[in-house]
Amino acid sequence: MKRHLPFALTTLRLLLGPIALACALTNVPRWIYLPILITATLSDICDGILARRFGVATPALRRYDSITDVIYYLFILAVAWRLCKPVLAQNWLLISLILFSASTTIVRNL
């Protein structure tokens, strides 16, 4: 059971992105995003720690984690676009630089 926990935490984060977007599309109160963001952040921190502790930190699991991070953060970017479009539009250059930087890191890890 323990050895499946890192995979489950990563999968949880993968599911939280679409849930956050569904919340944004249905105009739920903004406080709903706080538990989603906290849960996703804690799962991101704990999955790697637990994978190493339980000896299941494989290259495949690390790739799955990296791909999940990208998908999750793209969903969060879509949520931010939906909820805070003017702020993102004003800072499009900085956001583009961050996305470019993240994409080069991901490509290097594949």
C-alpha atoms as a PDB file:
ATOM      1  CA  MET A   1       0.000   0.000   0.000  1.00  0.00           C
ATOM      2  CA  LYS A   2       2.741   2.475   0.950  1.00  0.00           C
ATOM      3  CA  ARG A   3       4.516   2.113  -2.362  1.00  0.00           C
ATOM      4  CA  HIS A   4       1.385   3.302  -4.224  1.00  0.00           C
ATOM      5  CA  LEU A   5       1.015   6.473  -2.149  1.00  0.00           C
ATOM      6  CA  PRO A   6       3.399   8.678  -4.221  1.00  0.00           C
ATOM      7  CA  PHE A   7       1.576   7.670  -7.420  1.00  0.00           C
ATOM      8  CA  ALA A   8      -1.782   8.382  -5.761  1.00  0.00           C
ATOM      9  CA  LEU A   9      -0.641  11.827  -4.601  1.00  0.00           C
ATOM     10  CA  THR A  10       0.559  12.688  -8.092  1.00  0.00           C
ATOM     11  CA  THR A  11      -2.716  11.474  -9.576  1.00  0.00           C
ATOM     12  CA  LEU A  12      -4.631  13.552  -7.042  1.00  0.00           C
ATOM     13  CA  ARG A  13      -2.821  16.653  -8.279  1.00  0.00           C
ATOM     14  CA  LEU A  14      -3.633  15.674 -11.855  1.00  0.00           C
ATOM     15  CA  LEU A  15      -7.322  15.574 -10.931  1.00  0.00           C
ATOM     16  CA  LEU A  16      -7.305  18.833  -8.984  1.00  0.00           C
ATOM     17  CA  GLY A  17      -6.509  20.903 -12.094  1.00  0.00           C
ATOM     18  CA  PRO A  18      -9.735  20.047 -13.932  1.00  0.00           C
ATOM     19  CA  ILE A  19     -11.678  20.419 -10.687  1.00  0.00           C
ATOM     20  CA  ALA A  20     -10.299  23.943 -10.250  1.00  0.00           C
ATOM     21  CA  LEU A  21     -11.198  24.815 -13.841  1.00  0.00           C
ATOM     22  CA  ALA A  22     -14.710  23.427 -13.393  1.00  0.00           C
ATOM     23  CA  CYS A  23     -15.049  25.641 -10.314  1.00  0.00           C
ATOM     24  CA  ALA A  24     -13.914  28.676 -12.313  1.00  0.00           C
ATOM     25  CA  LEU A  25     -16.361  27.929 -15.112  1.00  0.00           C
ATOM     26  CA  THR A  26     -19.256  27.573 -12.685  1.00  0.00           C
ATOM     27  CA  ASN A  27     -18.366  30.714 -10.704  1.00  0.00           C
ATOM     28  CA  VAL A  28     -17.994  29.100  -7.292  1.00  0.00           C
ATOM     29  CA  PRO A  29     -16.872  31.343  -4.421  1.00  0.00           C
ATOM     30  CA  ARG A  30     -13.165  32.098  -4.592  1.00  0.00           C
ATOM     31  CA  TRP A  31     -12.392  30.644  -1.157  1.00  0.00           C
ATOM     32  CA  ILE A  32     -12.952  27.200  -2.727  1.00  0.00           C
ATOM     33  CA  TYR A  33      -9.607  27.523  -4.528  1.00  0.00           C
ATOM     34  CA  LEU A  34      -7.602  27.722  -1.312  1.00  0.00           C
ATOM     35  CA  PRO A  35      -8.061  24.069  -0.277  1.00  0.00           C
ATOM     36  CA  ILE A  36      -7.457  22.988  -3.887  1.00  0.00           C
ATOM     37  CA  LEU A  37      -4.174  24.912  -4.071  1.00  0.00           C
ATOM     38  CA  ILE A  38      -3.030  23.804  -0.611  1.00  0.00           C
ATOM     39  CA  THR A  39      -3.822  20.155  -1.329  1.00  0.00           C
ATOM     40  CA  ALA A  40      -2.040  20.259  -4.674  1.00  0.00           C
ATOM     41  CA  THR A  41       1.027  21.946  -3.180  1.00  0.00           C
ATOM     42  CA  LEU A  42       1.248  19.465  -0.322  1.00  0.00           C
ATOM     43  CA  SER A  43       0.826  16.539  -2.710  1.00  0.00           C
ATOM     44  CA  ASP A  44       3.630  17.934  -4.881  1.00  0.00           C
ATOM     45  CA  ILE A  45       5.942  18.207  -1.884  1.00  0.00           C
ATOM     46  CA  CYS A  46       5.058  14.877  -0.319  1.00  0.00           C
ATOM     47  CA  ASP A  47       4.982  12.635  -3.379  1.00  0.00           C
ATOM     48  CA  GLY A  48       8.712  12.944  -4.030  1.00  0.00           C
ATOM     49  CA  ILE A  49       9.638  12.655  -0.365  1.00  0.00           C
ATOM     50  CA  LEU A  50       7.528   9.522   0.057  1.00  0.00           C
ATOM     51  CA  ALA A  51       8.736   7.988  -3.208  1.00  0.00           C
ATOM     52  CA  ARG A  52      12.340   8.260  -2.028  1.00  0.00           C
ATOM     53  CA  ARG A  53      11.504   7.063   1.481  1.00  0.00           C
ATOM     54  CA  PHE A  54       9.619   4.009   0.193  1.00  0.00           C
ATOM     55  CA  GLY A  55      12.204   3.288  -2.498  1.00  0.00           C
ATOM     56  CA  VAL A  56       9.826   3.693  -5.441  1.00  0.00           C
ATOM     57  CA  ALA A  57      11.397   6.800  -7.012  1.00  0.00           C
ATOM     58  CA  THR A  58      11.723   5.428 -10.532  1.00  0.00           C
ATOM     59  CA  PRO A  59      12.410   7.400 -13.713  1.00  0.00           C
ATOM     60  CA  ALA A  60       8.856   6.632 -14.862  1.00  0.00           C
ATOM     61  CA  LEU A  61       7.359   8.030 -11.654  1.00  0.00           C
ATOM     62  CA  ARG A  62       9.534  11.152 -11.919  1.00  0.00           C
ATOM     63  CA  ARG A  63       8.379  11.690 -15.514  1.00  0.00           C
ATOM     64  CA  TYR A  64       4.760  11.179 -14.479  1.00  0.00           C
ATOM     65  CA  ASP A  65       5.250  13.739 -11.709  1.00  0.00           C
ATOM     66  CA  SER A  66       6.824  16.272 -14.106  1.00  0.00           C
ATOM     67  CA  ILE A  67       4.108  15.834 -16.710  1.00  0.00           C
ATOM     68  CA  THR A  68       1.445  16.080 -14.019  1.00  0.00           C
ATOM     69  CA  ASP A  69       2.990  19.318 -12.765  1.00  0.00           C
ATOM     70  CA  VAL A  70       2.799  20.836 -16.240  1.00  0.00           C
ATOM     71  CA  ILE A  71      -0.801  19.758 -16.768  1.00  0.00           C
ATOM     72  CA  TYR A  72      -1.852  20.953 -13.315  1.00  0.00           C
ATOM     73  CA  TYR A  73      -0.217  24.358 -13.713  1.00  0.00           C
ATOM     74  CA  LEU A  74      -1.700  24.822 -17.179  1.00  0.00           C
ATOM     75  CA  PHE A  75      -5.125  24.219 -15.652  1.00  0.00           C
ATOM     76  CA  ILE A  76      -4.317  26.743 -12.906  1.00  0.00           C
ATOM     77  CA  LEU A  77      -3.193  29.208 -15.562  1.00  0.00           C
ATOM     78  CA  ALA A  78      -6.558  28.712 -17.307  1.00  0.00           C
ATOM     79  CA  VAL A  79      -8.308  29.296 -13.976  1.00  0.00           C
ATOM     80  CA  ALA A  80      -6.313  32.478 -13.414  1.00  0.00           C
ATOM     81  CA  TRP A  81      -7.122  33.605 -16.960  1.00  0.00           C
ATOM     82  CA  ARG A  82     -10.807  33.037 -16.306  1.00  0.00           C
ATOM     83  CA  LEU A  83     -10.805  34.815 -12.948  1.00  0.00           C
ATOM     84  CA  CYS A  84      -8.110  37.490 -13.382  1.00  0.00           C
ATOM     85  CA  LYS A  85      -7.793  38.093 -17.114  1.00  0.00           C
ATOM     86  CA  PRO A  86      -6.725  41.779 -16.883  1.00  0.00           C
ATOM     87  CA  VAL A  87      -3.856  40.998 -14.504  1.00  0.00           C
ATOM     88  CA  LEU A  88      -2.565  38.176 -16.695  1.00  0.00           C
ATOM     89  CA  ALA A  89      -2.922  40.278 -19.830  1.00  0.00           C
ATOM     90  CA  GLN A  90      -0.830  43.043 -18.254  1.00  0.00           C
ATOM     91  CA  ASN A  91       1.910  40.575 -17.330  1.00  0.00           C
ATOM     92  CA  TRP A  92       1.874  38.355 -20.417  1.00  0.00           C
ATOM     93  CA  LEU A  93       5.596  38.791 -21.082  1.00  0.00           C
ATOM     94  CA  LEU A  94       6.635  37.658 -17.606  1.00  0.00           C
ATOM     95  CA  ILE A  95       4.202  34.756 -17.714  1.00  0.00           C
ATOM     96  CA  SER A  96       5.568  33.746 -21.123  1.00  0.00           C
ATOM     97  CA  LEU A  97       9.108  33.746 -19.734  1.00  0.00           C
ATOM     98  CA  ILE A  98       8.054  31.543 -16.837  1.00  0.00           C
ATOM     99  CA  LEU A  99       6.274  29.121 -19.181  1.00  0.00           C
ATOM    100  CA  PHE A 100       9.306  29.007 -21.491  1.00  0.00           C
ATOM    101  CA  SER A 101      11.623  28.345 -18.564  1.00  0.00           C
ATOM    102  CA  ALA A 102       9.394  25.568 -17.252  1.00  0.00           C
ATOM    103  CA  SER A 103       9.092  23.978 -20.683  1.00  0.00           C
ATOM    104  CA  THR A 104      12.859  23.825 -21.170  1.00  0.00           C
ATOM    105  CA  THR A 105      13.226  22.135 -17.781  1.00  0.00           C
ATOM    106  CA  ILE A 106      10.597  19.568 -18.685  1.00  0.00           C
ATOM    107  CA  VAL A 107      12.141  18.795 -22.058  1.00  0.00           C
ATOM    108  CA  ARG A 108      15.527  18.343 -20.370  1.00  0.00           C
ATOM    109  CA  ASN A 109      14.006  15.856 -17.895  1.00  0.00           C
ATOM    110  CA  LEU A 110      12.356  13.738 -20.574  1.00  0.00           C
END
